[in-house]
Amino acid sequence: MQKSVRANKPKTIKKDVIQIHVLNHQVEKLTQIVRKHKAIYEFLDRVQELKINNYYIGAGCITQTTWNYLSDLPLEHGIKDVDLVYFDDSDLSEEKEDQVKSQLERMFPNYPFKIDVKNEARVHLWYKSRFGYEIKPYQSVEEAIDTWPTTATSLGIRITSDQWDVYAPYGLDDLFNKVVRPNKRQITKEIYDKKVSRWKAQWNDLRIEPW
């Protein structure tokens, strides 16, 4: 199946005045790697059937698949779950979120990874109880991805109408260079350190940038 590739437009973030570029050849390389991981690619391809609005598959499963490929490890190495994030501010109920998760679990009854689903429109309702501080409601799924813990994992992919959509607000250089760099927009040092400790144990060739 022929796919076309689209990435978010290059943009500048005020912090450190870093110019961000997502190059077409990097996006093409990323999609080629993801295609090689049968379970992840099947999930990406079939989730379209649910007609979920404003969604991405992102964070760890995509980043870690890429690290595994670059490090000549089995593509499933170290992956705990597949994260689907979407944005629906018309229904902030936990029940609706669980309904989406149940649909996916029925679609993939023997899936090798845990399926995790989050409606980013309702994250602010539970964030304080889990992390100890409040956040403002997100206005889009992309705004949520902008706050994810590291530059390499701030990444979302979806397939829509035979087209790959890649949202990578901080570019893909850190991902392909196996650099773990903190994204301080929302998380704390404690959250960052906990994540990188686990990752370093699984991928010992990562270059960890300090907080």
N, C-alpha and C. Protein backbone atom coordinates (compact mmCIF):
# COMPACT_ATOMS: atom_id res chain seq x y z
N MET A 1 0.84 -1.19 0.00
CA MET A 1 0.00 0.00 0.00
C MET A 1 0.88 1.25 0.00
N GLN A 2 0.63 2.12 -0.94
CA GLN A 2 1.42 3.35 -1.02
C GLN A 2 0.96 4.33 0.05
N LYS A 3 1.92 4.88 0.78
CA LYS A 3 1.60 5.85 1.82
C LYS A 3 2.28 7.17 1.49
N SER A 4 1.63 8.25 1.81
CA SER A 4 2.30 9.55 1.73
C SER A 4 2.66 9.97 3.14
N VAL A 5 3.59 10.88 3.25
CA VAL A 5 4.11 11.28 4.56
C VAL A 5 3.85 12.75 4.78
N ARG A 6 3.39 13.10 5.97
CA ARG A 6 3.21 14.50 6.32
C ARG A 6 3.70 14.70 7.73
N ALA A 7 4.46 15.74 7.95
CA ALA A 7 4.95 16.08 9.28
C ALA A 7 4.44 17.45 9.65
N ASN A 8 4.49 17.74 10.95
CA ASN A 8 4.12 19.09 11.37
C ASN A 8 5.11 20.09 10.78
N LYS A 9 4.65 21.30 10.56
CA LYS A 9 5.50 22.32 9.98
C LYS A 9 6.62 22.68 10.96
N PRO A 10 7.80 23.04 10.41
CA PRO A 10 8.86 23.51 11.30
C PRO A 10 8.37 24.69 12.12
N LYS A 11 8.78 24.74 13.38
CA LYS A 11 8.37 25.87 14.20
C LYS A 11 9.46 26.19 15.20
N THR A 12 9.38 27.37 15.76
CA THR A 12 10.35 27.80 16.75
C THR A 12 9.67 27.86 18.11
N ILE A 13 10.32 27.29 19.15
CA ILE A 13 9.82 27.45 20.49
C ILE A 13 10.70 28.48 21.19
N LYS A 14 10.09 29.30 22.04
CA LYS A 14 10.81 30.40 22.66
C LYS A 14 11.94 29.91 23.55
N LYS A 15 11.74 28.78 24.23
CA LYS A 15 12.76 28.27 25.15
C LYS A 15 14.03 28.00 24.39
N ASP A 16 15.11 28.70 24.74
CA ASP A 16 16.43 28.56 24.12
C ASP A 16 16.44 28.92 22.64
N VAL A 17 15.33 29.47 22.15
CA VAL A 17 15.22 29.89 20.75
C VAL A 17 15.74 28.79 19.81
N ILE A 18 15.26 27.58 20.03
CA ILE A 18 15.68 26.44 19.21
C ILE A 18 14.79 26.36 17.96
N GLN A 19 15.44 26.32 16.81
CA GLN A 19 14.68 26.15 15.56
C GLN A 19 14.44 24.66 15.33
N ILE A 20 13.18 24.31 15.18
CA ILE A 20 12.81 22.90 15.06
C ILE A 20 12.51 22.55 13.60
N HIS A 21 13.13 21.52 13.11
CA HIS A 21 12.87 21.04 11.75
C HIS A 21 12.56 19.54 11.78
N VAL A 22 11.46 19.18 11.19
CA VAL A 22 11.18 17.76 10.98
C VAL A 22 11.39 17.50 9.50
N LEU A 23 12.46 16.82 9.17
CA LEU A 23 12.84 16.60 7.78
C LEU A 23 12.10 15.41 7.20
N ASN A 24 11.76 15.56 5.93
CA ASN A 24 11.00 14.50 5.27
C ASN A 24 11.72 13.16 5.29
N HIS A 25 13.03 13.16 5.13
CA HIS A 25 13.73 11.87 5.11
C HIS A 25 13.71 11.21 6.48
N GLN A 26 13.67 12.01 7.56
CA GLN A 26 13.58 11.43 8.90
C GLN A 26 12.21 10.79 9.11
N VAL A 27 11.18 11.47 8.65
CA VAL A 27 9.83 10.93 8.78
C VAL A 27 9.69 9.65 7.97
N GLU A 28 10.25 9.63 6.78
CA GLU A 28 10.21 8.43 5.96
C GLU A 28 10.95 7.28 6.64
N LYS A 29 12.09 7.58 7.24
CA LYS A 29 12.84 6.55 7.96
C LYS A 29 12.04 6.02 9.14
N LEU A 30 11.39 6.93 9.87
CA LEU A 30 10.59 6.52 11.03
C LEU A 30 9.45 5.59 10.60
N THR A 31 8.74 5.95 9.55
CA THR A 31 7.62 5.11 9.12
C THR A 31 8.11 3.75 8.61
N GLN A 32 9.27 3.72 8.00
CA GLN A 32 9.83 2.44 7.56
C GLN A 32 10.14 1.54 8.75
N ILE A 33 10.67 2.12 9.82
CA ILE A 33 10.98 1.35 11.02
C ILE A 33 9.69 0.81 11.65
N VAL A 34 8.68 1.67 11.76
CA VAL A 34 7.42 1.26 12.39
C VAL A 34 6.77 0.14 11.58
N ARG A 35 6.85 0.20 10.27
CA ARG A 35 6.29 -0.87 9.43
C ARG A 35 6.90 -2.23 9.75
N LYS A 36 8.15 -2.24 10.16
CA LYS A 36 8.85 -3.49 10.45
C LYS A 36 8.33 -4.16 11.72
N HIS A 37 7.72 -3.35 12.62
CA HIS A 37 7.19 -3.90 13.87
C HIS A 37 5.74 -4.30 13.62
N LYS A 38 5.52 -5.57 13.38
CA LYS A 38 4.22 -6.05 12.93
C LYS A 38 3.08 -5.66 13.87
N ALA A 39 3.27 -5.83 15.18
CA ALA A 39 2.19 -5.57 16.13
C ALA A 39 1.83 -4.09 16.17
N ILE A 40 2.84 -3.22 16.15
CA ILE A 40 2.58 -1.78 16.19
C ILE A 40 1.95 -1.31 14.89
N TYR A 41 2.48 -1.80 13.77
CA TYR A 41 1.94 -1.39 12.48
C TYR A 41 0.49 -1.84 12.32
N GLU A 42 0.19 -3.07 12.73
CA GLU A 42 -1.19 -3.56 12.64
C GLU A 42 -2.12 -2.70 13.48
N PHE A 43 -1.66 -2.33 14.67
CA PHE A 43 -2.47 -1.48 15.54
C PHE A 43 -2.75 -0.15 14.86
N LEU A 44 -1.71 0.48 14.33
CA LEU A 44 -1.86 1.75 13.63
C LEU A 44 -2.83 1.64 12.46
N ASP A 45 -2.70 0.58 11.71
CA ASP A 45 -3.50 0.41 10.50
C ASP A 45 -4.97 0.16 10.82
N ARG A 46 -5.23 -0.67 11.83
CA ARG A 46 -6.61 -1.09 12.09
C ARG A 46 -7.38 -0.14 12.99
N VAL A 47 -6.69 0.67 13.78
CA VAL A 47 -7.39 1.56 14.70
C VAL A 47 -8.24 2.57 13.94
N GLN A 48 -7.94 2.79 12.67
CA GLN A 48 -8.76 3.68 11.86
C GLN A 48 -10.22 3.24 11.82
N GLU A 49 -10.44 1.94 11.96
CA GLU A 49 -11.79 1.39 11.85
C GLU A 49 -12.73 1.94 12.92
N LEU A 50 -12.17 2.39 14.03
CA LEU A 50 -13.01 2.89 15.14
C LEU A 50 -13.47 4.33 14.93
N LYS A 51 -12.91 5.01 13.93
CA LYS A 51 -13.32 6.39 13.62
C LYS A 51 -13.17 7.32 14.82
N ILE A 52 -12.07 7.18 15.54
CA ILE A 52 -11.80 8.06 16.68
C ILE A 52 -11.29 9.40 16.15
N ASN A 53 -11.85 10.48 16.64
CA ASN A 53 -11.41 11.79 16.20
C ASN A 53 -10.15 12.23 16.94
N ASN A 54 -9.27 12.91 16.24
CA ASN A 54 -8.13 13.60 16.88
C ASN A 54 -7.29 12.65 17.74
N TYR A 55 -6.79 11.59 17.16
CA TYR A 55 -6.02 10.61 17.93
C TYR A 55 -4.62 10.45 17.36
N TYR A 56 -3.74 9.91 18.20
CA TYR A 56 -2.40 9.49 17.78
C TYR A 56 -2.01 8.25 18.57
N ILE A 57 -1.15 7.43 18.00
CA ILE A 57 -0.40 6.42 18.74
C ILE A 57 0.94 7.05 19.03
N GLY A 58 1.37 7.03 20.29
CA GLY A 58 2.58 7.80 20.54
C GLY A 58 3.39 7.35 21.72
N ALA A 59 4.34 8.23 22.04
CA ALA A 59 5.22 8.09 23.20
C ALA A 59 6.07 6.83 23.10
N GLY A 60 6.06 6.03 24.18
CA GLY A 60 7.04 4.96 24.34
C GLY A 60 7.09 3.93 23.24
N CYS A 61 5.95 3.44 22.77
CA CYS A 61 5.99 2.32 21.83
C CYS A 61 6.65 2.70 20.52
N ILE A 62 6.48 3.94 20.08
CA ILE A 62 7.10 4.39 18.83
C ILE A 62 8.57 4.69 19.06
N THR A 63 8.86 5.42 20.12
CA THR A 63 10.25 5.76 20.44
C THR A 63 11.07 4.51 20.70
N GLN A 64 10.54 3.60 21.48
CA GLN A 64 11.30 2.41 21.86
C GLN A 64 11.46 1.44 20.69
N THR A 65 10.48 1.37 19.80
CA THR A 65 10.66 0.59 18.58
C THR A 65 11.84 1.13 17.78
N THR A 66 11.93 2.45 17.71
CA THR A 66 13.03 3.09 16.97
C THR A 66 14.37 2.81 17.65
N TRP A 67 14.43 2.97 18.97
CA TRP A 67 15.68 2.66 19.70
C TRP A 67 16.09 1.20 19.46
N ASN A 68 15.12 0.30 19.51
CA ASN A 68 15.43 -1.11 19.31
C ASN A 68 16.02 -1.36 17.92
N TYR A 69 15.42 -0.76 16.93
CA TYR A 69 15.92 -0.92 15.56
C TYR A 69 17.35 -0.38 15.44
N LEU A 70 17.58 0.80 15.99
CA LEU A 70 18.89 1.44 15.88
C LEU A 70 19.96 0.68 16.68
N SER A 71 19.54 -0.03 17.72
CA SER A 71 20.48 -0.76 18.58
C SER A 71 20.55 -2.25 18.26
N ASP A 72 19.90 -2.66 17.16
CA ASP A 72 19.90 -4.07 16.74
C ASP A 72 19.32 -4.99 17.82
N LEU A 73 18.30 -4.51 18.50
CA LEU A 73 17.57 -5.31 19.48
C LEU A 73 16.27 -5.80 18.87
N PRO A 74 15.66 -6.85 19.43
CA PRO A 74 14.32 -7.25 18.97
C PRO A 74 13.38 -6.05 19.06
N LEU A 75 12.55 -5.85 18.07
CA LEU A 75 11.74 -4.64 18.01
C LEU A 75 10.79 -4.50 19.19
N GLU A 76 10.42 -5.62 19.82
CA GLU A 76 9.50 -5.56 20.96
C GLU A 76 10.22 -5.36 22.29
N HIS A 77 11.54 -5.31 22.28
CA HIS A 77 12.32 -5.23 23.52
C HIS A 77 11.91 -4.02 24.36
N GLY A 78 11.61 -4.26 25.64
CA GLY A 78 11.38 -3.19 26.61
C GLY A 78 10.06 -2.47 26.51
N ILE A 79 9.24 -2.81 25.53
CA ILE A 79 7.97 -2.10 25.34
C ILE A 79 6.92 -2.69 26.28
N LYS A 80 6.32 -1.84 27.10
CA LYS A 80 5.33 -2.29 28.07
C LYS A 80 3.90 -2.13 27.56
N ASP A 81 3.66 -1.05 26.82
CA ASP A 81 2.29 -0.78 26.39
C ASP A 81 2.27 0.03 25.11
N VAL A 82 1.08 0.11 24.54
CA VAL A 82 0.82 0.95 23.39
C VAL A 82 -0.13 2.05 23.84
N ASP A 83 0.26 3.29 23.61
CA ASP A 83 -0.52 4.43 24.07
C ASP A 83 -1.31 5.04 22.93
N LEU A 84 -2.62 5.05 23.08
CA LEU A 84 -3.48 5.79 22.16
C LEU A 84 -4.03 7.00 22.91
N VAL A 85 -3.79 8.18 22.37
CA VAL A 85 -4.32 9.40 22.96
C VAL A 85 -5.27 10.05 21.96
N TYR A 86 -6.34 10.61 22.48
CA TYR A 86 -7.29 11.29 21.62
C TYR A 86 -7.82 12.52 22.35
N PHE A 87 -8.62 13.32 21.66
CA PHE A 87 -9.16 14.53 22.27
C PHE A 87 -10.64 14.63 21.97
N ASP A 88 -11.44 14.56 23.06
CA ASP A 88 -12.89 14.69 22.93
C ASP A 88 -13.40 15.47 24.14
N ASP A 89 -13.56 16.77 23.98
CA ASP A 89 -14.03 17.59 25.10
C ASP A 89 -15.55 17.60 25.22
N SER A 90 -16.22 16.83 24.37
CA SER A 90 -17.68 16.72 24.48
C SER A 90 -18.10 15.65 25.47
N ASP A 91 -17.17 14.78 25.85
CA ASP A 91 -17.47 13.72 26.82
C ASP A 91 -16.21 13.48 27.65
N LEU A 92 -16.19 14.04 28.86
CA LEU A 92 -15.03 13.94 29.74
C LEU A 92 -15.15 12.79 30.73
N SER A 93 -16.07 11.90 30.50
CA SER A 93 -16.30 10.82 31.46
C SER A 93 -15.23 9.74 31.33
N GLU A 94 -14.92 9.15 32.46
CA GLU A 94 -14.01 8.01 32.46
C GLU A 94 -14.64 6.81 31.76
N GLU A 95 -15.97 6.74 31.83
CA GLU A 95 -16.68 5.63 31.20
C GLU A 95 -16.47 5.63 29.68
N LYS A 96 -16.50 6.80 29.06
CA LYS A 96 -16.29 6.88 27.62
C LYS A 96 -14.86 6.46 27.26
N GLU A 97 -13.91 6.90 28.05
CA GLU A 97 -12.52 6.52 27.84
C GLU A 97 -12.37 5.00 27.93
N ASP A 98 -13.00 4.41 28.94
CA ASP A 98 -12.95 2.96 29.11
C ASP A 98 -13.64 2.23 27.95
N GLN A 99 -14.67 2.86 27.41
CA GLN A 99 -15.37 2.26 26.28
C GLN A 99 -14.45 2.16 25.06
N VAL A 100 -13.69 3.21 24.82
CA VAL A 100 -12.73 3.19 23.71
C VAL A 100 -11.69 2.10 23.93
N LYS A 101 -11.20 2.00 25.17
CA LYS A 101 -10.21 0.97 25.49
C LYS A 101 -10.80 -0.43 25.28
N SER A 102 -12.03 -0.64 25.71
CA SER A 102 -12.67 -1.95 25.55
C SER A 102 -12.84 -2.31 24.07
N GLN A 103 -13.17 -1.32 23.26
CA GLN A 103 -13.29 -1.57 21.82
C GLN A 103 -11.96 -2.04 21.24
N LEU A 104 -10.88 -1.40 21.66
CA LEU A 104 -9.56 -1.78 21.17
C LEU A 104 -9.16 -3.17 21.66
N GLU A 105 -9.48 -3.47 22.91
CA GLU A 105 -9.14 -4.80 23.45
C GLU A 105 -9.92 -5.90 22.75
N ARG A 106 -11.14 -5.61 22.34
CA ARG A 106 -11.90 -6.60 21.57
C ARG A 106 -11.33 -6.75 20.15
N MET A 107 -10.86 -5.66 19.61
CA MET A 107 -10.27 -5.69 18.27
C MET A 107 -8.96 -6.46 18.25
N PHE A 108 -8.21 -6.36 19.37
CA PHE A 108 -6.91 -7.02 19.49
C PHE A 108 -6.90 -7.92 20.73
N PRO A 109 -7.61 -9.06 20.68
CA PRO A 109 -7.79 -9.88 21.89
C PRO A 109 -6.52 -10.52 22.43
N ASN A 110 -5.54 -10.74 21.59
CA ASN A 110 -4.29 -11.38 22.03
C ASN A 110 -3.10 -10.47 21.80
N TYR A 111 -3.31 -9.19 22.00
CA TYR A 111 -2.26 -8.23 21.69
C TYR A 111 -1.09 -8.40 22.66
N PRO A 112 0.15 -8.32 22.17
CA PRO A 112 1.31 -8.61 23.04
C PRO A 112 1.64 -7.52 24.05
N PHE A 113 1.04 -6.33 23.91
CA PHE A 113 1.31 -5.24 24.83
C PHE A 113 0.02 -4.75 25.47
N LYS A 114 0.15 -4.18 26.65
CA LYS A 114 -1.00 -3.54 27.29
C LYS A 114 -1.45 -2.36 26.43
N ILE A 115 -2.75 -2.20 26.31
CA ILE A 115 -3.31 -1.08 25.55
C ILE A 115 -3.74 0.00 26.53
N ASP A 116 -3.17 1.17 26.39
CA ASP A 116 -3.47 2.30 27.28
C ASP A 116 -4.15 3.39 26.47
N VAL A 117 -5.26 3.89 26.96
CA VAL A 117 -6.05 4.90 26.24
C VAL A 117 -6.26 6.11 27.15
N LYS A 118 -6.03 7.30 26.61
CA LYS A 118 -6.27 8.52 27.38
C LYS A 118 -6.96 9.56 26.50
N ASN A 119 -8.05 10.09 27.02
CA ASN A 119 -8.67 11.28 26.43
C ASN A 119 -7.95 12.49 27.02
N GLU A 120 -7.13 13.15 26.22
CA GLU A 120 -6.32 14.24 26.75
C GLU A 120 -7.17 15.43 27.20
N ALA A 121 -8.43 15.48 26.79
CA ALA A 121 -9.31 16.55 27.22
C ALA A 121 -9.68 16.44 28.70
N ARG A 122 -9.48 15.26 29.30
CA ARG A 122 -9.87 15.08 30.70
C ARG A 122 -8.68 14.84 31.63
N VAL A 123 -7.46 14.94 31.13
CA VAL A 123 -6.28 14.67 31.96
C VAL A 123 -6.21 15.59 33.17
N HIS A 124 -6.61 16.84 33.00
CA HIS A 124 -6.53 17.80 34.12
C HIS A 124 -7.41 17.39 35.30
N LEU A 125 -8.39 16.53 35.06
CA LEU A 125 -9.30 16.12 36.12
C LEU A 125 -8.64 15.18 37.12
N TRP A 126 -7.63 14.43 36.67
CA TRP A 126 -7.00 13.45 37.57
C TRP A 126 -5.51 13.70 37.78
N TYR A 127 -4.94 14.66 37.11
CA TYR A 127 -3.49 14.84 37.13
C TYR A 127 -2.97 15.14 38.54
N LYS A 128 -3.66 15.99 39.27
CA LYS A 128 -3.17 16.36 40.61
C LYS A 128 -3.15 15.16 41.55
N SER A 129 -4.16 14.31 41.49
CA SER A 129 -4.20 13.16 42.39
C SER A 129 -3.07 12.18 42.11
N ARG A 130 -2.59 12.17 40.89
CA ARG A 130 -1.51 11.25 40.53
C ARG A 130 -0.13 11.86 40.70
N PHE A 131 0.01 13.14 40.35
CA PHE A 131 1.34 13.75 40.32
C PHE A 131 1.53 14.87 41.35
N GLY A 132 0.45 15.28 42.02
CA GLY A 132 0.61 16.21 43.12
C GLY A 132 0.46 17.68 42.78
N TYR A 133 0.20 18.00 41.54
CA TYR A 133 0.00 19.41 41.17
C TYR A 133 -0.98 19.50 40.01
N GLU A 134 -1.63 20.66 39.92
CA GLU A 134 -2.66 20.84 38.91
C GLU A 134 -2.07 21.31 37.58
N ILE A 135 -2.78 20.99 36.51
CA ILE A 135 -2.44 21.52 35.19
C ILE A 135 -3.70 22.11 34.57
N LYS A 136 -3.53 22.99 33.60
CA LYS A 136 -4.67 23.55 32.89
C LYS A 136 -5.18 22.54 31.87
N PRO A 137 -6.46 22.63 31.54
CA PRO A 137 -7.00 21.72 30.52
C PRO A 137 -6.28 21.92 29.18
N TYR A 138 -5.98 20.83 28.52
CA TYR A 138 -5.43 20.92 27.18
C TYR A 138 -6.52 21.36 26.21
N GLN A 139 -6.10 22.04 25.16
CA GLN A 139 -7.04 22.48 24.14
C GLN A 139 -7.02 21.60 22.89
N SER A 140 -6.07 20.69 22.83
CA SER A 140 -5.97 19.78 21.69
C SER A 140 -5.09 18.61 22.08
N VAL A 141 -5.13 17.55 21.29
CA VAL A 141 -4.25 16.42 21.56
C VAL A 141 -2.80 16.80 21.29
N GLU A 142 -2.58 17.69 20.32
CA GLU A 142 -1.22 18.13 20.04
C GLU A 142 -0.64 18.93 21.20
N GLU A 143 -1.46 19.75 21.85
CA GLU A 143 -0.97 20.50 23.01
C GLU A 143 -0.54 19.55 24.13
N ALA A 144 -1.25 18.45 24.28
CA ALA A 144 -0.87 17.45 25.29
C ALA A 144 0.48 16.82 24.94
N ILE A 145 0.66 16.44 23.68
CA ILE A 145 1.93 15.84 23.26
C ILE A 145 3.08 16.81 23.48
N ASP A 146 2.82 18.10 23.33
CA ASP A 146 3.85 19.12 23.56
C ASP A 146 4.43 19.07 24.97
N THR A 147 3.70 18.50 25.91
CA THR A 147 4.13 18.50 27.32
C THR A 147 4.72 17.17 27.76
N TRP A 148 4.80 16.20 26.90
CA TRP A 148 5.29 14.88 27.31
C TRP A 148 6.73 14.95 27.78
N PRO A 149 7.18 13.99 28.61
CA PRO A 149 8.38 14.16 29.43
C PRO A 149 9.70 14.41 28.73
N THR A 150 9.88 13.91 27.50
CA THR A 150 11.16 14.10 26.82
C THR A 150 10.91 14.52 25.37
N THR A 151 11.93 15.11 24.78
CA THR A 151 11.80 15.54 23.39
C THR A 151 11.63 14.34 22.45
N ALA A 152 12.31 13.25 22.75
CA ALA A 152 12.24 12.08 21.88
C ALA A 152 10.90 11.37 21.95
N THR A 153 10.24 11.43 23.10
CA THR A 153 8.96 10.74 23.25
C THR A 153 7.77 11.65 22.99
N SER A 154 8.00 12.94 22.77
CA SER A 154 6.92 13.85 22.38
C SER A 154 6.66 13.62 20.89
N LEU A 155 5.91 12.58 20.62
CA LEU A 155 5.79 12.08 19.25
C LEU A 155 4.48 11.32 19.10
N GLY A 156 3.76 11.64 18.05
CA GLY A 156 2.53 10.92 17.75
C GLY A 156 2.46 10.54 16.28
N ILE A 157 1.90 9.37 16.01
CA ILE A 157 1.76 8.88 14.64
C ILE A 157 0.34 8.34 14.45
N ARG A 158 -0.18 8.54 13.26
CA ARG A 158 -1.44 7.88 12.90
C ARG A 158 -1.45 7.66 11.40
N ILE A 159 -2.31 6.77 10.95
CA ILE A 159 -2.53 6.54 9.53
C ILE A 159 -3.97 6.91 9.24
N THR A 160 -4.16 7.86 8.34
CA THR A 160 -5.51 8.28 7.96
C THR A 160 -5.61 8.29 6.45
N SER A 161 -6.57 7.53 5.93
CA SER A 161 -6.79 7.48 4.49
C SER A 161 -5.49 7.20 3.73
N ASP A 162 -4.78 6.18 4.17
CA ASP A 162 -3.53 5.73 3.53
C ASP A 162 -2.41 6.76 3.62
N GLN A 163 -2.52 7.69 4.55
CA GLN A 163 -1.48 8.71 4.72
C GLN A 163 -0.95 8.67 6.14
N TRP A 164 0.37 8.73 6.28
CA TRP A 164 0.99 8.80 7.60
C TRP A 164 1.00 10.25 8.07
N ASP A 165 0.49 10.48 9.27
CA ASP A 165 0.61 11.78 9.93
C ASP A 165 1.56 11.63 11.10
N VAL A 166 2.59 12.46 11.13
CA VAL A 166 3.57 12.43 12.21
C VAL A 166 3.59 13.79 12.88
N TYR A 167 3.33 13.80 14.19
CA TYR A 167 3.42 15.04 14.96
C TYR A 167 4.62 14.94 15.88
N ALA A 168 5.62 15.77 15.64
CA ALA A 168 6.87 15.74 16.41
C ALA A 168 7.28 17.18 16.70
N PRO A 169 6.74 17.78 17.76
CA PRO A 169 6.95 19.21 18.02
C PRO A 169 8.39 19.60 18.27
N TYR A 170 9.24 18.66 18.69
CA TYR A 170 10.65 18.98 18.96
C TYR A 170 11.58 18.31 17.96
N GLY A 171 11.01 17.89 16.85
CA GLY A 171 11.82 17.27 15.82
C GLY A 171 12.13 15.81 16.11
N LEU A 172 12.94 15.22 15.25
CA LEU A 172 13.28 13.80 15.37
C LEU A 172 14.77 13.56 15.56
N ASP A 173 15.55 14.61 15.64
CA ASP A 173 17.00 14.44 15.82
C ASP A 173 17.33 13.67 17.08
N ASP A 174 16.72 14.05 18.21
CA ASP A 174 17.02 13.36 19.46
C ASP A 174 16.62 11.89 19.40
N LEU A 175 15.51 11.60 18.76
CA LEU A 175 15.07 10.21 18.62
C LEU A 175 16.13 9.39 17.89
N PHE A 176 16.56 9.86 16.74
CA PHE A 176 17.49 9.07 15.93
C PHE A 176 18.91 9.09 16.47
N ASN A 177 19.23 10.07 17.29
CA ASN A 177 20.55 10.09 17.93
C ASN A 177 20.55 9.40 19.29
N LYS A 178 19.41 8.84 19.66
CA LYS A 178 19.24 8.14 20.95
C LYS A 178 19.59 9.05 22.13
N VAL A 179 19.13 10.29 22.03
CA VAL A 179 19.34 11.28 23.09
C VAL A 179 18.04 11.41 23.88
N VAL A 180 18.14 11.33 25.20
CA VAL A 180 17.00 11.55 26.08
C VAL A 180 17.20 12.91 26.74
N ARG A 181 16.33 13.84 26.36
CA ARG A 181 16.45 15.22 26.82
C ARG A 181 15.15 15.62 27.52
N PRO A 182 15.22 16.22 28.71
CA PRO A 182 13.98 16.56 29.41
C PRO A 182 13.19 17.65 28.71
N ASN A 183 11.89 17.48 28.71
CA ASN A 183 10.97 18.52 28.27
C ASN A 183 10.33 19.09 29.54
N LYS A 184 10.74 20.27 29.93
CA LYS A 184 10.37 20.81 31.24
C LYS A 184 9.07 21.61 31.24
N ARG A 185 8.30 21.51 30.20
CA ARG A 185 7.08 22.30 30.12
C ARG A 185 6.09 21.95 31.22
N GLN A 186 6.10 20.71 31.68
CA GLN A 186 5.09 20.31 32.66
C GLN A 186 5.61 19.38 33.74
N ILE A 187 6.52 18.49 33.42
CA ILE A 187 6.92 17.46 34.38
C ILE A 187 7.92 18.00 35.40
N THR A 188 8.17 17.19 36.41
CA THR A 188 9.16 17.53 37.44
C THR A 188 10.42 16.69 37.24
N LYS A 189 11.47 17.07 37.95
CA LYS A 189 12.72 16.32 37.90
C LYS A 189 12.50 14.88 38.37
N GLU A 190 11.68 14.71 39.38
CA GLU A 190 11.41 13.37 39.91
C GLU A 190 10.80 12.47 38.84
N ILE A 191 9.84 12.99 38.08
CA ILE A 191 9.21 12.21 37.02
C ILE A 191 10.24 11.85 35.95
N TYR A 192 11.05 12.82 35.57
CA TYR A 192 12.07 12.59 34.54
C TYR A 192 13.08 11.54 34.99
N ASP A 193 13.60 11.70 36.20
CA ASP A 193 14.62 10.77 36.69
C ASP A 193 14.10 9.34 36.77
N LYS A 194 12.85 9.19 37.16
CA LYS A 194 12.26 7.85 37.26
C LYS A 194 12.18 7.19 35.89
N LYS A 195 11.77 7.96 34.90
CA LYS A 195 11.67 7.41 33.56
C LYS A 195 13.03 7.03 33.00
N VAL A 196 13.99 7.93 33.11
CA VAL A 196 15.29 7.66 32.48
C VAL A 196 16.02 6.52 33.18
N SER A 197 15.75 6.32 34.46
CA SER A 197 16.36 5.21 35.17
C SER A 197 15.93 3.87 34.57
N ARG A 198 14.64 3.73 34.30
CA ARG A 198 14.13 2.50 33.67
C ARG A 198 14.67 2.35 32.26
N TRP A 199 14.65 3.43 31.51
CA TRP A 199 15.09 3.36 30.12
C TRP A 199 16.57 3.00 30.01
N LYS A 200 17.38 3.58 30.88
CA LYS A 200 18.82 3.30 30.83
C LYS A 200 19.10 1.83 31.10
N ALA A 201 18.28 1.21 31.94
CA ALA A 201 18.45 -0.21 32.23
C ALA A 201 18.11 -1.08 31.01
N GLN A 202 17.20 -0.61 30.17
CA GLN A 202 16.78 -1.37 29.00
C GLN A 202 17.62 -1.04 27.76
N TRP A 203 18.04 0.21 27.65
CA TRP A 203 18.79 0.67 26.48
C TRP A 203 20.04 1.40 26.98
N ASN A 204 21.10 0.64 27.20
CA ASN A 204 22.27 1.21 27.87
C ASN A 204 23.12 2.10 26.97
N ASP A 205 22.75 2.21 25.69
CA ASP A 205 23.49 3.10 24.81
C ASP A 205 22.82 4.46 24.63
N LEU A 206 21.76 4.71 25.40
CA LEU A 206 21.12 6.03 25.34
C LEU A 206 22.04 7.09 25.93
N ARG A 207 21.94 8.29 25.38
CA ARG A 207 22.67 9.42 25.94
C ARG A 207 21.68 10.25 26.76
N ILE A 208 21.81 10.19 28.06
CA ILE A 208 20.87 10.84 28.96
C ILE A 208 21.34 12.26 29.27
N GLU A 209 20.53 13.24 28.93
CA GLU A 209 20.83 14.62 29.28
C GLU A 209 20.31 14.90 30.69
N PRO A 210 21.10 15.54 31.54
CA PRO A 210 20.65 15.80 32.91
C PRO A 210 19.53 16.83 32.94
N TRP A 211 18.80 16.80 34.03
CA TRP A 211 17.72 17.76 34.23
C TRP A 211 18.26 19.18 34.30
